[in-house]
Amino acid sequence: MIEALDYAQRTNTIGSLRNADVSRTITAPAVLAQSQAPTVIVQENNALRETLARLNERLNEPFVTVNTVTGDLGIKQAQDDYQRQMNNKSPKSKRK
């Protein structure tokens, strides 16, 4: 309902809204909700449950990481980038 009023205000058609427009906005979501078959919801829940189970299994597996000191993805580059950002947050005249 609020979205319909907001749209009518933005399009300058709020003055032409009728009772039927408001009634249609209120009853449409209820009609759509009743028209969905419960089997669709059950199937979606099963798919969600299976996805969460696979995610849980994957999160329980060890993570393998590769850490380097030098290079584009190295720790030194990350520290240099951080230091540059910290230096850029304040003007040079106020740096110690």
C-alpha atoms as a PDB file:
ATOM      1  CA  MET A   1       0.000   0.000   0.000  1.00  0.00           C
ATOM      2  CA  ILE A   2       2.776   2.398   0.971  1.00  0.00           C
ATOM      3  CA  GLU A   3       4.714   1.591  -2.196  1.00  0.00           C
ATOM      4  CA  ALA A   4       1.621   2.308  -4.310  1.00  0.00           C
ATOM      5  CA  LEU A   5       1.092   5.682  -2.611  1.00  0.00           C
ATOM      6  CA  ASP A   6       4.775   6.519  -2.961  1.00  0.00           C
ATOM      7  CA  TYR A   7       4.670   5.658  -6.679  1.00  0.00           C
ATOM      8  CA  ALA A   8       1.524   7.757  -7.153  1.00  0.00           C
ATOM      9  CA  GLN A   9       3.206  10.720  -5.462  1.00  0.00           C
ATOM     10  CA  ARG A  10       6.356  10.411  -7.575  1.00  0.00           C
ATOM     11  CA  THR A  11       4.347  10.200 -10.800  1.00  0.00           C
ATOM     12  CA  ASN A  12       1.957  12.979  -9.749  1.00  0.00           C
ATOM     13  CA  THR A  13      -1.087  10.698 -10.059  1.00  0.00           C
ATOM     14  CA  ILE A  14      -2.036  10.571  -6.383  1.00  0.00           C
ATOM     15  CA  GLY A  15      -5.034  12.821  -7.005  1.00  0.00           C
ATOM     16  CA  SER A  16      -6.493  10.305  -9.448  1.00  0.00           C
ATOM     17  CA  LEU A  17      -6.381   7.268  -7.118  1.00  0.00           C
ATOM     18  CA  ARG A  18      -9.733   5.580  -6.664  1.00  0.00           C
ATOM     19  CA  ASN A  19     -11.106   3.188  -4.055  1.00  0.00           C
ATOM     20  CA  ALA A  20     -10.671   0.304  -6.489  1.00  0.00           C
ATOM     21  CA  ASP A  21      -6.950   1.088  -6.865  1.00  0.00           C
ATOM     22  CA  VAL A  22      -6.452   0.987  -3.099  1.00  0.00           C
ATOM     23  CA  SER A  23      -8.534  -2.182  -2.692  1.00  0.00           C
ATOM     24  CA  ARG A  24      -6.596  -3.931  -5.459  1.00  0.00           C
ATOM     25  CA  THR A  25      -3.301  -3.020  -3.776  1.00  0.00           C
ATOM     26  CA  ILE A  26      -4.428  -4.435  -0.439  1.00  0.00           C
ATOM     27  CA  THR A  27      -6.006  -7.669  -1.689  1.00  0.00           C
ATOM     28  CA  ALA A  28      -3.498  -8.604  -4.413  1.00  0.00           C
ATOM     29  CA  PRO A  29      -0.763  -9.889  -2.067  1.00  0.00           C
ATOM     30  CA  ALA A  30      -3.307 -11.977  -0.137  1.00  0.00           C
ATOM     31  CA  VAL A  31      -4.658 -13.537  -3.342  1.00  0.00           C
ATOM     32  CA  LEU A  32      -1.132 -14.318  -4.547  1.00  0.00           C
ATOM     33  CA  ALA A  33      -0.248 -15.896  -1.219  1.00  0.00           C
ATOM     34  CA  GLN A  34      -3.315 -18.145  -1.337  1.00  0.00           C
ATOM     35  CA  SER A  35      -2.660 -19.232  -4.922  1.00  0.00           C
ATOM     36  CA  GLN A  36       0.764 -20.766  -4.143  1.00  0.00           C
ATOM     37  CA  ALA A  37       0.678 -24.503  -3.706  1.00  0.00           C
ATOM     38  CA  PRO A  38       2.115 -25.779  -0.408  1.00  0.00           C
ATOM     39  CA  THR A  39       4.235 -28.299  -2.332  1.00  0.00           C
ATOM     40  CA  VAL A  40       6.298 -25.450  -3.773  1.00  0.00           C
ATOM     41  CA  ILE A  41       7.160 -24.252  -0.281  1.00  0.00           C
ATOM     42  CA  VAL A  42       8.095 -27.780   0.815  1.00  0.00           C
ATOM     43  CA  GLN A  43      10.340 -28.243  -2.236  1.00  0.00           C
ATOM     44  CA  GLU A  44      12.028 -24.889  -1.579  1.00  0.00           C
ATOM     45  CA  ASN A  45      12.560 -25.823   2.072  1.00  0.00           C
ATOM     46  CA  ASN A  46      14.119 -29.142   1.063  1.00  0.00           C
ATOM     47  CA  ALA A  47      16.466 -27.397  -1.373  1.00  0.00           C
ATOM     48  CA  LEU A  48      17.397 -24.868   1.297  1.00  0.00           C
ATOM     49  CA  ARG A  49      18.006 -27.611   3.843  1.00  0.00           C
ATOM     50  CA  GLU A  50      20.265 -29.504   1.407  1.00  0.00           C
ATOM     51  CA  THR A  51      22.204 -26.346   0.560  1.00  0.00           C
ATOM     52  CA  LEU A  52      22.752 -25.536   4.226  1.00  0.00           C
ATOM     53  CA  ALA A  53      23.914 -29.101   4.902  1.00  0.00           C
ATOM     54  CA  ARG A  54      26.489 -28.888   2.065  1.00  0.00           C
ATOM     55  CA  LEU A  55      27.646 -25.490   3.311  1.00  0.00           C
ATOM     56  CA  ASN A  56      28.003 -26.816   6.843  1.00  0.00           C
ATOM     57  CA  GLU A  57      30.089 -29.752   5.584  1.00  0.00           C
ATOM     58  CA  ARG A  58      32.337 -27.423   3.601  1.00  0.00           C
ATOM     59  CA  LEU A  59      32.821 -25.051   6.533  1.00  0.00           C
ATOM     60  CA  ASN A  60      33.933 -27.985   8.699  1.00  0.00           C
ATOM     61  CA  GLU A  61      36.711 -28.842   6.228  1.00  0.00           C
ATOM     62  CA  PRO A  62      40.127 -27.222   6.748  1.00  0.00           C
ATOM     63  CA  PHE A  63      40.918 -24.086   4.778  1.00  0.00           C
ATOM     64  CA  VAL A  64      44.222 -24.019   2.927  1.00  0.00           C
ATOM     65  CA  THR A  65      45.947 -20.642   2.633  1.00  0.00           C
ATOM     66  CA  VAL A  66      49.129 -19.461   0.973  1.00  0.00           C
ATOM     67  CA  ASN A  67      50.942 -16.538   2.578  1.00  0.00           C
ATOM     68  CA  THR A  68      53.813 -14.670   0.945  1.00  0.00           C
ATOM     69  CA  VAL A  69      56.083 -11.968   2.292  1.00  0.00           C
ATOM     70  CA  THR A  70      56.973 -10.200  -0.952  1.00  0.00           C
ATOM     71  CA  GLY A  71      55.190  -9.641  -4.251  1.00  0.00           C
ATOM     72  CA  ASP A  72      51.834  -8.182  -5.227  1.00  0.00           C
ATOM     73  CA  LEU A  73      49.916 -10.262  -2.690  1.00  0.00           C
ATOM     74  CA  GLY A  74      52.607 -10.292  -0.016  1.00  0.00           C
ATOM     75  CA  ILE A  75      52.500  -9.036   3.558  1.00  0.00           C
ATOM     76  CA  LYS A  76      55.018  -6.244   2.802  1.00  0.00           C
ATOM     77  CA  GLN A  77      52.831  -4.877  -0.001  1.00  0.00           C
ATOM     78  CA  ALA A  78      49.782  -4.952   2.288  1.00  0.00           C
ATOM     79  CA  GLN A  79      51.700  -3.089   5.016  1.00  0.00           C
ATOM     80  CA  ASP A  80      52.953  -0.494   2.518  1.00  0.00           C
ATOM     81  CA  ASP A  81      49.400   0.032   1.178  1.00  0.00           C
ATOM     82  CA  TYR A  82      48.102   0.424   4.713  1.00  0.00           C
ATOM     83  CA  GLN A  83      50.820   2.923   5.616  1.00  0.00           C
ATOM     84  CA  ARG A  84      50.091   4.950   2.459  1.00  0.00           C
ATOM     85  CA  GLN A  85      46.397   5.068   3.324  1.00  0.00           C
ATOM     86  CA  MET A  86      47.166   6.141   6.880  1.00  0.00           C
ATOM     87  CA  ASN A  87      49.462   8.900   5.570  1.00  0.00           C
ATOM     88  CA  ASN A  88      46.792  10.094   3.117  1.00  0.00           C
ATOM     89  CA  LYS A  89      44.080  10.444   5.748  1.00  0.00           C
ATOM     90  CA  SER A  90      45.584  13.690   7.022  1.00  0.00           C
ATOM     91  CA  PRO A  91      47.309  16.588   5.219  1.00  0.00           C
ATOM     92  CA  LYS A  92      51.124  16.570   5.099  1.00  0.00           C
ATOM     93  CA  SER A  93      51.243  19.757   7.182  1.00  0.00           C
ATOM     94  CA  LYS A  94      49.626  17.936  10.145  1.00  0.00           C
ATOM     95  CA  ARG A  95      51.778  14.778   9.992  1.00  0.00           C
ATOM     96  CA  LYS A  96      54.301  14.181  12.741  1.00  0.00           C
END
